[in-house]
Amino acid sequence: DNARKYIGSTVEVLVTSVLQTTTGRMIFTRLKEDVEKEENVRTGGAPRAV
């Protein structure tokens, strides 16, 4: 969803699921930067070494 601006670009993604069908394989992903933003909101800041 809402990935039109990334058509033709190379982006880093995280695979969320893979579905095998009779005609091929569908791979579902999320943008890595979106996942990292969500993690920062949940943890209250940027990731840090522990």
N, C-alpha and C. Protein backbone atom coordinates (compact mmCIF):
# COMPACT_ATOMS: atom_id res chain seq x y z
N ASP A 1 0.83 -1.19 0.00
CA ASP A 1 0.00 0.00 0.00
C ASP A 1 0.88 1.25 0.00
N ASN A 2 0.47 2.24 -0.71
CA ASN A 2 1.13 3.55 -0.74
C ASN A 2 2.60 3.47 -1.14
N ALA A 3 2.95 2.55 -2.00
CA ALA A 3 4.35 2.40 -2.41
C ALA A 3 4.61 2.92 -3.81
N ARG A 4 3.65 3.59 -4.38
CA ARG A 4 3.78 4.10 -5.76
C ARG A 4 5.06 4.92 -5.93
N LYS A 5 5.42 5.73 -4.94
CA LYS A 5 6.60 6.59 -5.07
C LYS A 5 7.91 5.80 -5.13
N TYR A 6 7.87 4.51 -4.76
CA TYR A 6 9.07 3.68 -4.77
C TYR A 6 9.23 2.84 -6.03
N ILE A 7 8.28 2.92 -6.96
CA ILE A 7 8.37 2.14 -8.19
C ILE A 7 9.64 2.55 -8.94
N GLY A 8 10.43 1.56 -9.31
CA GLY A 8 11.68 1.81 -10.02
C GLY A 8 12.87 2.09 -9.11
N SER A 9 12.63 2.11 -7.80
CA SER A 9 13.70 2.37 -6.83
C SER A 9 14.11 1.08 -6.14
N THR A 10 15.31 1.09 -5.59
CA THR A 10 15.77 -0.01 -4.75
C THR A 10 15.61 0.43 -3.31
N VAL A 11 14.89 -0.37 -2.52
CA VAL A 11 14.65 -0.05 -1.11
C VAL A 11 14.93 -1.27 -0.25
N GLU A 12 15.24 -1.04 1.02
CA GLU A 12 15.43 -2.15 1.96
C GLU A 12 14.09 -2.50 2.58
N VAL A 13 13.79 -3.80 2.62
CA VAL A 13 12.52 -4.26 3.15
C VAL A 13 12.74 -5.42 4.11
N LEU A 14 11.71 -5.70 4.91
CA LEU A 14 11.67 -6.88 5.75
C LEU A 14 10.53 -7.75 5.25
N VAL A 15 10.81 -9.01 5.00
CA VAL A 15 9.78 -9.94 4.52
C VAL A 15 8.86 -10.28 5.69
N THR A 16 7.55 -10.10 5.49
CA THR A 16 6.58 -10.40 6.54
C THR A 16 5.91 -11.74 6.33
N SER A 17 5.73 -12.16 5.07
CA SER A 17 5.17 -13.48 4.80
C SER A 17 5.40 -13.85 3.34
N VAL A 18 5.28 -15.15 3.07
CA VAL A 18 5.45 -15.69 1.72
C VAL A 18 4.29 -16.64 1.47
N LEU A 19 3.65 -16.50 0.32
CA LEU A 19 2.52 -17.35 -0.04
C LEU A 19 2.83 -18.06 -1.35
N GLN A 20 2.87 -19.38 -1.31
CA GLN A 20 3.10 -20.18 -2.52
C GLN A 20 1.75 -20.48 -3.16
N THR A 21 1.63 -20.17 -4.45
CA THR A 21 0.41 -20.47 -5.19
C THR A 21 0.76 -21.39 -6.35
N THR A 22 -0.25 -21.85 -7.07
CA THR A 22 -0.01 -22.72 -8.22
C THR A 22 0.69 -21.97 -9.35
N THR A 23 0.56 -20.65 -9.38
CA THR A 23 1.18 -19.86 -10.45
C THR A 23 2.48 -19.18 -10.04
N GLY A 24 2.87 -19.33 -8.79
CA GLY A 24 4.11 -18.71 -8.36
C GLY A 24 4.10 -18.38 -6.88
N ARG A 25 4.99 -17.53 -6.49
CA ARG A 25 5.16 -17.17 -5.09
C ARG A 25 4.93 -15.68 -4.92
N MET A 26 4.16 -15.31 -3.90
CA MET A 26 3.95 -13.90 -3.56
C MET A 26 4.71 -13.62 -2.27
N ILE A 27 5.50 -12.57 -2.29
CA ILE A 27 6.29 -12.21 -1.12
C ILE A 27 5.79 -10.86 -0.63
N PHE A 28 5.40 -10.80 0.64
CA PHE A 28 4.87 -9.59 1.25
C PHE A 28 5.95 -8.99 2.14
N THR A 29 6.12 -7.68 2.04
CA THR A 29 7.18 -7.01 2.78
C THR A 29 6.68 -5.71 3.40
N ARG A 30 7.50 -5.16 4.27
CA ARG A 30 7.29 -3.82 4.81
C ARG A 30 8.60 -3.06 4.62
N LEU A 31 8.50 -1.77 4.40
CA LEU A 31 9.71 -0.96 4.27
C LEU A 31 10.47 -1.00 5.59
N LYS A 32 11.76 -1.23 5.51
CA LYS A 32 12.59 -1.31 6.71
C LYS A 32 12.54 -0.01 7.50
N GLU A 33 12.54 1.12 6.80
CA GLU A 33 12.51 2.41 7.51
C GLU A 33 11.21 2.59 8.28
N ASP A 34 10.09 2.09 7.77
CA ASP A 34 8.82 2.18 8.50
C ASP A 34 8.84 1.33 9.75
N VAL A 35 9.41 0.15 9.66
CA VAL A 35 9.51 -0.75 10.82
C VAL A 35 10.39 -0.11 11.88
N GLU A 36 11.50 0.48 11.47
CA GLU A 36 12.41 1.12 12.43
C GLU A 36 11.74 2.31 13.10
N LYS A 37 10.95 3.09 12.36
CA LYS A 37 10.23 4.22 12.96
C LYS A 37 9.25 3.73 14.01
N GLU A 38 8.52 2.66 13.73
CA GLU A 38 7.57 2.11 14.69
C GLU A 38 8.29 1.62 15.94
N GLU A 39 9.45 1.00 15.78
CA GLU A 39 10.21 0.52 16.94
C GLU A 39 10.68 1.68 17.79
N ASN A 40 11.09 2.79 17.16
CA ASN A 40 11.53 3.96 17.91
C ASN A 40 10.39 4.55 18.72
N VAL A 41 9.20 4.58 18.16
CA VAL A 41 8.04 5.11 18.87
C VAL A 41 7.73 4.23 20.07
N ARG A 42 7.77 2.91 19.87
CA ARG A 42 7.46 1.97 20.96
C ARG A 42 8.49 2.03 22.08
N THR A 43 9.77 2.17 21.74
CA THR A 43 10.82 2.13 22.75
C THR A 43 11.17 3.51 23.27
N GLY A 44 10.63 4.55 22.66
CA GLY A 44 10.89 5.90 23.15
C GLY A 44 12.19 6.50 22.66
N GLY A 45 12.74 6.01 21.58
CA GLY A 45 13.96 6.60 21.04
C GLY A 45 14.66 5.69 20.08
N ALA A 46 15.84 6.11 19.70
CA ALA A 46 16.64 5.35 18.74
C ALA A 46 17.19 4.09 19.41
N PRO A 47 17.42 3.05 18.63
CA PRO A 47 18.01 1.83 19.19
C PRO A 47 19.39 2.12 19.76
N ARG A 48 19.73 1.46 20.85
CA ARG A 48 21.04 1.67 21.45
C ARG A 48 21.59 0.34 21.97
N ALA A 49 22.90 0.27 22.04
CA ALA A 49 23.56 -0.95 22.52
C ALA A 49 23.30 -1.12 24.01
N VAL A 50 23.16 -2.37 24.42
CA VAL A 50 22.93 -2.66 25.85
C VAL A 50 24.08 -3.46 26.37
